[in-house]
Amino acid sequence: MEEIKTEGYKDHRNIDQPPQHQNQQPGVEADMEPRPQYIDPDYRAGSKLEGKVALITGGDSGIGRAIAVHFAAEGASVVINYLGDQEEEDAEKTLDLVKDYGGDGIALKGDISQEDVCQFLVKKTVEEYGQVDIIVNNAAQQFPQESIEDITQIQLERTFSTNIFSMFYIVKAALPLLKEGSRIINTASVTAYKGNSALLDYSATKGAIVSFTRSLAEQLADRNITVNSVAPGPIWTPLIPATFPPDKVAEFGHQVPMKRPGQPSEVAPAYVFLASNDASYISGQVIHPNGGTVVNG
């Protein structure tokens, strides 16, 4: 099997991140130091997704980029969604990586908090590739507030619209096109189980995603469409410096048993597993790549 290379990226798992900050979410991967690792140089693909087509929201950077690269390495074509002009450079870089790893892909800009955008993403995916087999609902935003009293109606609606309403919109649009054996994979979070006092609305959406996953899995079981979630712990992505002040960024991830943040390369293989035939008898479940934090559920 041909060796997979990572374009000079080092193994950042044991490298601390210096203080840094970005002014706008969801953040830009090219401005991070160190840049996240999107695939481990020891990863060995096995054509697990040959001939499949995946739609990945938030696919331009972070966990989304890692998913796109891994899916491409496994033989899938990918459609990545990104929010706006600020993320365009990251999206183009991800498409270059997808091609480097033997896949084909397109990038579509749009705010998934809007239902018509979600419908557009599904429509363009099918127009480009003739099918859609895997839905990865991955994009999210978070806005720290010290008190519930500081969470405005505008922030609350924005967080829920992006993080959970979009999943309803995309699945509704894609469902008539999904065939038996299709996969839906949602990105939850360890905060769904542990909570986070500074991320109250974000944590609430992630809890909703877990319930959405379990309920939709039951609803689609007779169609042999599986629905699962991945609930990452602290992962080094652009959302981190775009969310927290520099001192918090430097400490990010050090509180988990492994004493470090995870890399997107350590999360994406869970999505490969859930998207592949290896997970054909798994639905309504959650995988927890979180650095050793034990959670219930």
C-alpha atoms as a PDB file:
ATOM      1  CA  MET A   1       0.000   0.000   0.000  1.00  0.00           C
ATOM      2  CA  GLU A   2       1.312   3.450  -0.897  1.00  0.00           C
ATOM      3  CA  GLU A   3       2.626   5.400   2.058  1.00  0.00           C
ATOM      4  CA  ILE A   4       0.632   8.450   3.058  1.00  0.00           C
ATOM      5  CA  LYS A   5       2.672  11.578   3.710  1.00  0.00           C
ATOM      6  CA  THR A   6       1.663  14.738   5.512  1.00  0.00           C
ATOM      7  CA  GLU A   7       3.425  17.428   3.521  1.00  0.00           C
ATOM      8  CA  GLY A   8       6.082  18.016   6.139  1.00  0.00           C
ATOM      9  CA  TYR A   9       3.711  18.337   9.080  1.00  0.00           C
ATOM     10  CA  LYS A  10       5.350  17.209  12.294  1.00  0.00           C
ATOM     11  CA  ASP A  11       3.724  15.178  15.026  1.00  0.00           C
ATOM     12  CA  HIS A  12       2.457  18.048  17.191  1.00  0.00           C
ATOM     13  CA  ARG A  13       1.049  15.865  19.932  1.00  0.00           C
ATOM     14  CA  ASN A  14       3.807  16.789  22.361  1.00  0.00           C
ATOM     15  CA  ILE A  15       4.293  20.432  21.381  1.00  0.00           C
ATOM     16  CA  ASP A  16       2.762  23.213  23.489  1.00  0.00           C
ATOM     17  CA  GLN A  17       0.805  25.961  21.794  1.00  0.00           C
ATOM     18  CA  PRO A  18       1.958  29.548  22.495  1.00  0.00           C
ATOM     19  CA  PRO A  19      -0.524  32.272  23.506  1.00  0.00           C
ATOM     20  CA  GLN A  20      -2.430  33.541  20.450  1.00  0.00           C
ATOM     21  CA  HIS A  21      -5.779  34.962  19.455  1.00  0.00           C
ATOM     22  CA  GLN A  22      -7.907  35.421  16.341  1.00  0.00           C
ATOM     23  CA  ASN A  23     -10.650  38.010  16.149  1.00  0.00           C
ATOM     24  CA  GLN A  24     -13.358  36.176  14.231  1.00  0.00           C
ATOM     25  CA  GLN A  25     -14.958  32.744  14.353  1.00  0.00           C
ATOM     26  CA  PRO A  26     -14.624  30.062  13.148  1.00  0.00           C
ATOM     27  CA  GLY A  27     -10.949  31.042  12.778  1.00  0.00           C
ATOM     28  CA  VAL A  28      -8.229  30.473  10.192  1.00  0.00           C
ATOM     29  CA  GLU A  29      -5.981  27.438  10.326  1.00  0.00           C
ATOM     30  CA  ALA A  30      -3.176  29.139   8.381  1.00  0.00           C
ATOM     31  CA  ASP A  31      -2.764  31.658  11.237  1.00  0.00           C
ATOM     32  CA  MET A  32      -2.294  29.038  13.983  1.00  0.00           C
ATOM     33  CA  GLU A  33       1.002  28.189  15.669  1.00  0.00           C
ATOM     34  CA  PRO A  34       1.612  25.331  15.522  1.00  0.00           C
ATOM     35  CA  ARG A  35      -0.754  24.361  12.745  1.00  0.00           C
ATOM     36  CA  PRO A  36      -2.961  21.371  13.537  1.00  0.00           C
ATOM     37  CA  GLN A  37      -2.001  17.957  12.238  1.00  0.00           C
ATOM     38  CA  TYR A  38      -4.685  16.816   9.783  1.00  0.00           C
ATOM     39  CA  ILE A  39      -3.409  13.257   9.230  1.00  0.00           C
ATOM     40  CA  ASP A  40      -0.854  11.081  10.975  1.00  0.00           C
ATOM     41  CA  PRO A  41       2.052  10.051   8.724  1.00  0.00           C
ATOM     42  CA  ASP A  42       1.551   6.472   9.943  1.00  0.00           C
ATOM     43  CA  TYR A  43      -2.090   6.356   8.828  1.00  0.00           C
ATOM     44  CA  ARG A  44      -2.718   3.562   6.338  1.00  0.00           C
ATOM     45  CA  ALA A  45      -5.776   3.824   4.141  1.00  0.00           C
ATOM     46  CA  GLY A  46      -7.699   0.770   3.005  1.00  0.00           C
ATOM     47  CA  SER A  47     -10.159   1.997   0.340  1.00  0.00           C
ATOM     48  CA  LYS A  48     -12.915   1.868   2.956  1.00  0.00           C
ATOM     49  CA  LEU A  49     -14.967   4.620   1.261  1.00  0.00           C
ATOM     50  CA  GLU A  50     -14.272   3.862  -2.396  1.00  0.00           C
ATOM     51  CA  GLY A  51     -16.955   5.350  -4.637  1.00  0.00           C
ATOM     52  CA  LYS A  52     -18.713   7.209  -1.799  1.00  0.00           C
ATOM     53  CA  VAL A  53     -19.662  10.885  -1.769  1.00  0.00           C
ATOM     54  CA  ALA A  54     -19.551  12.845   1.492  1.00  0.00           C
ATOM     55  CA  LEU A  55     -20.928  16.269   2.395  1.00  0.00           C
ATOM     56  CA  ILE A  56     -18.969  17.800   5.301  1.00  0.00           C
ATOM     57  CA  THR A  57     -20.018  21.054   6.969  1.00  0.00           C
ATOM     58  CA  GLY A  58     -17.184  23.085   8.437  1.00  0.00           C
ATOM     59  CA  GLY A  59     -14.871  21.110   6.189  1.00  0.00           C
ATOM     60  CA  ASP A  60     -12.340  23.854   5.527  1.00  0.00           C
ATOM     61  CA  SER A  61     -10.221  23.499   8.665  1.00  0.00           C
ATOM     62  CA  GLY A  62      -9.719  21.741  11.973  1.00  0.00           C
ATOM     63  CA  ILE A  63     -11.613  18.493  12.442  1.00  0.00           C
ATOM     64  CA  GLY A  64     -13.511  19.089   9.193  1.00  0.00           C
ATOM     65  CA  ARG A  65     -10.294  19.333   7.178  1.00  0.00           C
ATOM     66  CA  ALA A  66      -8.972  16.167   8.808  1.00  0.00           C
ATOM     67  CA  ILE A  67     -12.200  14.323   7.983  1.00  0.00           C
ATOM     68  CA  ALA A  68     -12.046  15.471   4.351  1.00  0.00           C
ATOM     69  CA  VAL A  69      -8.421  14.368   3.962  1.00  0.00           C
ATOM     70  CA  HIS A  70      -9.035  10.983   5.580  1.00  0.00           C
ATOM     71  CA  PHE A  71     -12.155  10.396   3.488  1.00  0.00           C
ATOM     72  CA  ALA A  72     -10.207  11.272   0.334  1.00  0.00           C
ATOM     73  CA  ALA A  73      -7.425   8.888   1.325  1.00  0.00           C
ATOM     74  CA  GLU A  74     -10.077   6.184   1.691  1.00  0.00           C
ATOM     75  CA  GLY A  75     -11.431   6.814  -1.814  1.00  0.00           C
ATOM     76  CA  ALA A  76     -14.359   9.178  -1.263  1.00  0.00           C
ATOM     77  CA  SER A  77     -15.262  12.353  -3.120  1.00  0.00           C
ATOM     78  CA  VAL A  78     -15.962  15.214  -0.729  1.00  0.00           C
ATOM     79  CA  VAL A  79     -17.998  18.390  -0.719  1.00  0.00           C
ATOM     80  CA  ILE A  80     -16.821  20.763   1.980  1.00  0.00           C
ATOM     81  CA  ASN A  81     -18.864  23.681   3.221  1.00  0.00           C
ATOM     82  CA  TYR A  82     -17.267  26.780   4.728  1.00  0.00           C
ATOM     83  CA  LEU A  83     -18.822  29.891   6.223  1.00  0.00           C
ATOM     84  CA  GLY A  84     -17.454  32.931   4.403  1.00  0.00           C
ATOM     85  CA  ASP A  85     -14.654  34.758   2.633  1.00  0.00           C
ATOM     86  CA  GLN A  86     -12.332  34.618   5.662  1.00  0.00           C
ATOM     87  CA  GLU A  87     -12.262  30.806   5.406  1.00  0.00           C
ATOM     88  CA  GLU A  88     -11.803  30.637   1.636  1.00  0.00           C
ATOM     89  CA  GLU A  89      -8.008  30.205   1.793  1.00  0.00           C
ATOM     90  CA  ASP A  90      -8.388  27.324   4.251  1.00  0.00           C
ATOM     91  CA  ALA A  91     -11.057  25.746   2.047  1.00  0.00           C
ATOM     92  CA  GLU A  92      -8.808  25.923  -1.022  1.00  0.00           C
ATOM     93  CA  LYS A  93      -5.945  24.402   0.956  1.00  0.00           C
ATOM     94  CA  THR A  94      -8.201  21.547   2.038  1.00  0.00           C
ATOM     95  CA  LEU A  95      -9.208  20.877  -1.567  1.00  0.00           C
ATOM     96  CA  ASP A  96      -5.538  20.772  -2.531  1.00  0.00           C
ATOM     97  CA  LEU A  97      -4.933  18.222   0.210  1.00  0.00           C
ATOM     98  CA  VAL A  98      -7.944  16.179  -0.880  1.00  0.00           C
ATOM     99  CA  LYS A  99      -6.464  15.955  -4.360  1.00  0.00           C
ATOM    100  CA  ASP A 100      -3.005  15.150  -2.940  1.00  0.00           C
ATOM    101  CA  TYR A 101      -4.521  12.170  -1.187  1.00  0.00           C
ATOM    102  CA  GLY A 102      -6.178  10.878  -4.318  1.00  0.00           C
ATOM    103  CA  GLY A 103      -9.674  12.247  -3.883  1.00  0.00           C
ATOM    104  CA  ASP A 104     -11.904  14.703  -5.685  1.00  0.00           C
ATOM    105  CA  GLY A 105     -13.733  17.580  -4.057  1.00  0.00           C
ATOM    106  CA  ILE A 106     -15.482  20.910  -4.277  1.00  0.00           C
ATOM    107  CA  ALA A 107     -15.959  23.692  -1.720  1.00  0.00           C
ATOM    108  CA  LEU A 108     -19.238  25.535  -1.200  1.00  0.00           C
ATOM    109  CA  LYS A 109     -19.562  28.764   0.764  1.00  0.00           C
ATOM    110  CA  GLY A 110     -22.625  29.390   2.880  1.00  0.00           C
ATOM    111  CA  ASP A 111     -24.088  29.977   6.326  1.00  0.00           C
ATOM    112  CA  ILE A 112     -25.711  26.710   7.393  1.00  0.00           C
ATOM    113  CA  SER A 113     -27.857  28.457   9.982  1.00  0.00           C
ATOM    114  CA  GLN A 114     -30.098  29.218   6.982  1.00  0.00           C
ATOM    115  CA  GLU A 115     -32.266  26.355   5.710  1.00  0.00           C
ATOM    116  CA  ASP A 116     -32.044  27.435   2.070  1.00  0.00           C
ATOM    117  CA  VAL A 117     -28.238  27.235   2.268  1.00  0.00           C
ATOM    118  CA  CYS A 118     -28.452  23.675   3.605  1.00  0.00           C
ATOM    119  CA  GLN A 119     -30.798  22.745   0.772  1.00  0.00           C
ATOM    120  CA  PHE A 120     -28.347  24.315  -1.683  1.00  0.00           C
ATOM    121  CA  LEU A 121     -25.441  22.266  -0.315  1.00  0.00           C
ATOM    122  CA  VAL A 122     -27.299  18.988  -0.794  1.00  0.00           C
ATOM    123  CA  LYS A 123     -28.539  19.999  -4.245  1.00  0.00           C
ATOM    124  CA  LYS A 124     -25.058  20.978  -5.468  1.00  0.00           C
ATOM    125  CA  THR A 125     -23.525  17.790  -4.062  1.00  0.00           C
ATOM    126  CA  VAL A 126     -25.908  15.644  -6.091  1.00  0.00           C
ATOM    127  CA  GLU A 127     -25.551  17.823  -9.182  1.00  0.00           C
ATOM    128  CA  GLU A 128     -21.761  17.452  -9.029  1.00  0.00           C
ATOM    129  CA  TYR A 129     -21.481  13.756  -8.136  1.00  0.00           C
ATOM    130  CA  GLY A 130     -24.898  12.224  -8.810  1.00  0.00           C
ATOM    131  CA  GLN A 131     -25.315  10.962  -5.247  1.00  0.00           C
ATOM    132  CA  VAL A 132     -24.705  11.597  -1.586  1.00  0.00           C
ATOM    133  CA  ASP A 133     -23.815   8.724   0.736  1.00  0.00           C
ATOM    134  CA  ILE A 134     -22.335  10.308   3.869  1.00  0.00           C
ATOM    135  CA  ILE A 135     -23.485  13.403   5.744  1.00  0.00           C
ATOM    136  CA  VAL A 136     -21.064  14.850   8.293  1.00  0.00           C
ATOM    137  CA  ASN A 137     -22.702  17.584  10.362  1.00  0.00           C
ATOM    138  CA  ASN A 138     -19.574  19.124  11.812  1.00  0.00           C
ATOM    139  CA  ALA A 139     -19.685  22.945  11.759  1.00  0.00           C
ATOM    140  CA  ALA A 140     -20.197  24.797  15.037  1.00  0.00           C
ATOM    141  CA  GLN A 141     -19.686  28.098  16.804  1.00  0.00           C
ATOM    142  CA  GLN A 142     -19.175  28.982  20.465  1.00  0.00           C
ATOM    143  CA  PHE A 143     -19.231  32.280  22.359  1.00  0.00           C
ATOM    144  CA  PRO A 144     -18.023  32.184  25.987  1.00  0.00           C
ATOM    145  CA  GLN A 145     -20.011  34.077  28.605  1.00  0.00           C
ATOM    146  CA  GLU A 146     -19.418  34.017  32.352  1.00  0.00           C
ATOM    147  CA  SER A 147     -23.128  34.185  33.215  1.00  0.00           C
ATOM    148  CA  ILE A 148     -26.412  33.133  31.641  1.00  0.00           C
ATOM    149  CA  GLU A 149     -27.409  36.761  32.136  1.00  0.00           C
ATOM    150  CA  ASP A 150     -24.841  37.735  29.510  1.00  0.00           C
ATOM    151  CA  ILE A 151     -26.246  35.439  26.798  1.00  0.00           C
ATOM    152  CA  THR A 152     -28.408  37.570  24.558  1.00  0.00           C
ATOM    153  CA  GLN A 153     -31.292  36.328  22.471  1.00  0.00           C
ATOM    154  CA  ILE A 154     -29.210  37.030  19.366  1.00  0.00           C
ATOM    155  CA  GLN A 155     -26.308  34.880  20.618  1.00  0.00           C
ATOM    156  CA  LEU A 156     -28.627  32.074  21.755  1.00  0.00           C
ATOM    157  CA  GLU A 157     -30.408  31.911  18.422  1.00  0.00           C
ATOM    158  CA  ARG A 158     -27.136  32.093  16.492  1.00  0.00           C
ATOM    159  CA  THR A 159     -25.559  29.249  18.464  1.00  0.00           C
ATOM    160  CA  PHE A 160     -28.574  26.973  18.139  1.00  0.00           C
ATOM    161  CA  SER A 161     -29.151  27.846  14.471  1.00  0.00           C
ATOM    162  CA  THR A 162     -25.586  26.969  13.504  1.00  0.00           C
ATOM    163  CA  ASN A 163     -24.937  24.034  15.809  1.00  0.00           C
ATOM    164  CA  ILE A 164     -28.181  22.049  15.826  1.00  0.00           C
ATOM    165  CA  PHE A 165     -30.871  23.575  13.584  1.00  0.00           C
ATOM    166  CA  SER A 166     -28.554  23.109  10.599  1.00  0.00           C
ATOM    167  CA  MET A 167     -28.485  19.362  11.232  1.00  0.00           C
ATOM    168  CA  PHE A 168     -32.261  19.202  10.920  1.00  0.00           C
ATOM    169  CA  TYR A 169     -32.114  21.272   7.723  1.00  0.00           C
ATOM    170  CA  ILE A 170     -29.406  19.183   6.035  1.00  0.00           C
ATOM    171  CA  VAL A 171     -30.876  15.814   6.971  1.00  0.00           C
ATOM    172  CA  LYS A 172     -34.334  16.918   5.792  1.00  0.00           C
ATOM    173  CA  ALA A 173     -32.868  17.977   2.438  1.00  0.00           C
ATOM    174  CA  ALA A 174     -30.713  14.872   2.015  1.00  0.00           C
ATOM    175  CA  LEU A 175     -33.063  12.179   3.279  1.00  0.00           C
ATOM    176  CA  PRO A 176     -34.982  11.625   0.019  1.00  0.00           C
ATOM    177  CA  LEU A 177     -31.614  11.057  -1.698  1.00  0.00           C
ATOM    178  CA  LEU A 178     -29.957   8.783   0.853  1.00  0.00           C
ATOM    179  CA  LYS A 179     -29.931   5.105  -0.072  1.00  0.00           C
ATOM    180  CA  GLU A 180     -29.781   2.039   2.124  1.00  0.00           C
ATOM    181  CA  GLY A 181     -26.401   1.885   3.818  1.00  0.00           C
ATOM    182  CA  SER A 182     -25.920   5.650   3.936  1.00  0.00           C
ATOM    183  CA  ARG A 183     -24.280   7.251   6.956  1.00  0.00           C
ATOM    184  CA  ILE A 184     -25.062  10.344   9.023  1.00  0.00           C
ATOM    185  CA  ILE A 185     -22.339  11.426  11.473  1.00  0.00           C
ATOM    186  CA  ASN A 186     -22.780  14.377  13.834  1.00  0.00           C
ATOM    187  CA  THR A 187     -20.098  16.202  15.798  1.00  0.00           C
ATOM    188  CA  ALA A 188     -21.066  16.490  19.452  1.00  0.00           C
ATOM    189  CA  SER A 189     -18.648  17.356  22.276  1.00  0.00           C
ATOM    190  CA  VAL A 190     -17.474  16.275  25.691  1.00  0.00           C
ATOM    191  CA  THR A 191     -19.353  19.360  26.946  1.00  0.00           C
ATOM    192  CA  ALA A 192     -22.602  17.510  26.214  1.00  0.00           C
ATOM    193  CA  TYR A 193     -21.712  15.236  29.139  1.00  0.00           C
ATOM    194  CA  LYS A 194     -19.556  17.355  31.443  1.00  0.00           C
ATOM    195  CA  GLY A 195     -21.015  20.789  30.751  1.00  0.00           C
ATOM    196  CA  ASN A 196     -18.972  23.983  30.645  1.00  0.00           C
ATOM    197  CA  SER A 197     -19.923  26.978  32.749  1.00  0.00           C
ATOM    198  CA  ALA A 198     -18.514  29.453  30.213  1.00  0.00           C
ATOM    199  CA  LEU A 199     -20.090  27.718  27.217  1.00  0.00           C
ATOM    200  CA  LEU A 200     -23.640  27.251  28.439  1.00  0.00           C
ATOM    201  CA  ASP A 201     -25.494  27.642  25.142  1.00  0.00           C
ATOM    202  CA  TYR A 202     -22.830  25.737  23.182  1.00  0.00           C
ATOM    203  CA  SER A 203     -22.956  22.852  25.657  1.00  0.00           C
ATOM    204  CA  ALA A 204     -26.751  22.812  25.427  1.00  0.00           C
ATOM    205  CA  THR A 205     -26.575  22.433  21.636  1.00  0.00           C
ATOM    206  CA  LYS A 206     -24.103  19.576  21.974  1.00  0.00           C
ATOM    207  CA  GLY A 207     -26.434  17.786  24.378  1.00  0.00           C
ATOM    208  CA  ALA A 208     -29.210  18.300  21.848  1.00  0.00           C
ATOM    209  CA  ILE A 209     -26.995  16.755  19.158  1.00  0.00           C
ATOM    210  CA  VAL A 210     -26.608  13.577  21.221  1.00  0.00           C
ATOM    211  CA  SER A 211     -30.381  13.277  21.620  1.00  0.00           C
ATOM    212  CA  PHE A 212     -30.902  14.138  17.951  1.00  0.00           C
ATOM    213  CA  THR A 213     -28.463  11.368  16.998  1.00  0.00           C
ATOM    214  CA  ARG A 214     -30.143   8.734  19.142  1.00  0.00           C
ATOM    215  CA  SER A 215     -33.670   9.640  18.052  1.00  0.00           C
ATOM    216  CA  LEU A 216     -32.834   9.893  14.347  1.00  0.00           C
ATOM    217  CA  ALA A 217     -31.010   6.559  14.529  1.00  0.00           C
ATOM    218  CA  GLU A 218     -34.220   4.908  15.722  1.00  0.00           C
ATOM    219  CA  GLN A 219     -36.256   6.683  13.071  1.00  0.00           C
ATOM    220  CA  LEU A 220     -34.013   5.573  10.190  1.00  0.00           C
ATOM    221  CA  ALA A 221     -33.130   2.067  11.374  1.00  0.00           C
ATOM    222  CA  ASP A 222     -35.671   0.373   9.109  1.00  0.00           C
ATOM    223  CA  ARG A 223     -34.044   2.117   6.129  1.00  0.00           C
ATOM    224  CA  ASN A 224     -30.605   0.797   7.138  1.00  0.00           C
ATOM    225  CA  ILE A 225     -29.245   4.335   7.440  1.00  0.00           C
ATOM    226  CA  THR A 226     -26.996   4.643  10.469  1.00  0.00           C
ATOM    227  CA  VAL A 227     -26.741   7.778  12.588  1.00  0.00           C
ATOM    228  CA  ASN A 228     -23.875   8.244  15.041  1.00  0.00           C
ATOM    229  CA  SER A 229     -21.896  10.996  16.747  1.00  0.00           C
ATOM    230  CA  VAL A 230     -18.316  11.785  17.660  1.00  0.00           C
ATOM    231  CA  ALA A 231     -17.850  13.780  20.878  1.00  0.00           C
ATOM    232  CA  PRO A 232     -14.325  15.226  20.875  1.00  0.00           C
ATOM    233  CA  GLY A 233     -12.615  16.635  23.915  1.00  0.00           C
ATOM    234  CA  PRO A 234     -10.196  19.578  23.611  1.00  0.00           C
ATOM    235  CA  ILE A 235      -8.919  19.470  20.028  1.00  0.00           C
ATOM    236  CA  TRP A 236      -6.427  21.971  18.561  1.00  0.00           C
ATOM    237  CA  THR A 237      -8.498  23.708  15.870  1.00  0.00           C
ATOM    238  CA  PRO A 238      -8.931  27.324  14.679  1.00  0.00           C
ATOM    239  CA  LEU A 239     -12.057  27.636  16.831  1.00  0.00           C
ATOM    240  CA  ILE A 240      -9.843  27.673  19.937  1.00  0.00           C
ATOM    241  CA  PRO A 241      -7.768  30.837  19.309  1.00  0.00           C
ATOM    242  CA  ALA A 242     -10.889  32.401  17.772  1.00  0.00           C
ATOM    243  CA  THR A 243     -12.823  31.775  21.006  1.00  0.00           C
ATOM    244  CA  PHE A 244     -10.517  32.210  23.989  1.00  0.00           C
ATOM    245  CA  PRO A 245      -8.008  34.858  25.155  1.00  0.00           C
ATOM    246  CA  PRO A 246      -4.293  34.119  24.611  1.00  0.00           C
ATOM    247  CA  ASP A 247      -3.587  32.883  28.153  1.00  0.00           C
ATOM    248  CA  LYS A 248      -6.455  30.375  27.960  1.00  0.00           C
ATOM    249  CA  VAL A 249      -5.260  29.193  24.547  1.00  0.00           C
ATOM    250  CA  ALA A 250      -1.809  28.428  25.984  1.00  0.00           C
ATOM    251  CA  GLU A 251      -3.437  26.264  28.703  1.00  0.00           C
ATOM    252  CA  PHE A 252      -5.974  24.643  26.391  1.00  0.00           C
ATOM    253  CA  GLY A 253      -6.293  20.879  26.785  1.00  0.00           C
ATOM    254  CA  HIS A 254      -3.931  20.559  29.743  1.00  0.00           C
ATOM    255  CA  GLN A 255      -6.769  19.669  32.126  1.00  0.00           C
ATOM    256  CA  VAL A 256      -7.539  16.231  30.629  1.00  0.00           C
ATOM    257  CA  PRO A 257      -5.825  13.045  31.896  1.00  0.00           C
ATOM    258  CA  MET A 258      -3.436  13.033  28.912  1.00  0.00           C
ATOM    259  CA  LYS A 259      -2.434  16.637  29.780  1.00  0.00           C
ATOM    260  CA  ARG A 260      -2.579  17.942  26.213  1.00  0.00           C
ATOM    261  CA  PRO A 261      -5.036  18.913  23.487  1.00  0.00           C
ATOM    262  CA  GLY A 262      -5.752  16.370  20.798  1.00  0.00           C
ATOM    263  CA  GLN A 263      -5.004  16.826  17.117  1.00  0.00           C
ATOM    264  CA  PRO A 264      -7.655  16.618  14.379  1.00  0.00           C
ATOM    265  CA  SER A 265      -5.670  13.648  13.049  1.00  0.00           C
ATOM    266  CA  GLU A 266      -6.572  11.809  16.254  1.00  0.00           C
ATOM    267  CA  VAL A 267     -10.300  12.394  15.757  1.00  0.00           C
ATOM    268  CA  ALA A 268     -10.896  11.910  12.024  1.00  0.00           C
ATOM    269  CA  PRO A 269     -10.336   8.106  12.012  1.00  0.00           C
ATOM    270  CA  ALA A 270     -13.448   7.784  14.181  1.00  0.00           C
ATOM    271  CA  TYR A 271     -15.444   9.351  11.330  1.00  0.00           C
ATOM    272  CA  VAL A 272     -13.827   6.968   8.827  1.00  0.00           C
ATOM    273  CA  PHE A 273     -14.900   4.038  10.986  1.00  0.00           C
ATOM    274  CA  LEU A 274     -18.479   5.256  11.348  1.00  0.00           C
ATOM    275  CA  ALA A 275     -18.722   6.035   7.623  1.00  0.00           C
ATOM    276  CA  SER A 276     -17.394   2.634   6.567  1.00  0.00           C
ATOM    277  CA  ASN A 277     -18.927  -0.802   6.376  1.00  0.00           C
ATOM    278  CA  ASP A 278     -16.973  -1.675   9.538  1.00  0.00           C
ATOM    279  CA  ALA A 279     -19.688   0.176  11.485  1.00  0.00           C
ATOM    280  CA  SER A 280     -22.674  -1.364   9.682  1.00  0.00           C
ATOM    281  CA  TYR A 281     -24.216  -2.638  12.960  1.00  0.00           C
ATOM    282  CA  ILE A 282     -23.598   0.549  14.956  1.00  0.00           C
ATOM    283  CA  SER A 283     -26.201   3.299  15.180  1.00  0.00           C
ATOM    284  CA  GLY A 284     -27.316   5.802  17.774  1.00  0.00           C
ATOM    285  CA  GLN A 285     -23.901   5.700  19.429  1.00  0.00           C
ATOM    286  CA  VAL A 286     -21.211   8.205  20.410  1.00  0.00           C
ATOM    287  CA  ILE A 287     -17.417   7.817  20.126  1.00  0.00           C
ATOM    288  CA  HIS A 288     -15.341   9.805  22.643  1.00  0.00           C
ATOM    289  CA  PRO A 289     -11.848  10.894  21.501  1.00  0.00           C
ATOM    290  CA  ASN A 290     -11.247  13.135  24.494  1.00  0.00           C
ATOM    291  CA  GLY A 291      -7.837  12.498  26.024  1.00  0.00           C
ATOM    292  CA  GLY A 292      -8.989  10.050  28.677  1.00  0.00           C
ATOM    293  CA  THR A 293     -11.950  11.868  30.211  1.00  0.00           C
ATOM    294  CA  VAL A 294     -14.497   9.281  31.351  1.00  0.00           C
ATOM    295  CA  VAL A 295     -18.111  10.247  30.701  1.00  0.00           C
ATOM    296  CA  ASN A 296     -21.437   8.512  31.120  1.00  0.00           C
ATOM    297  CA  GLY A 297     -23.191   7.802  27.826  1.00  0.00           C
END
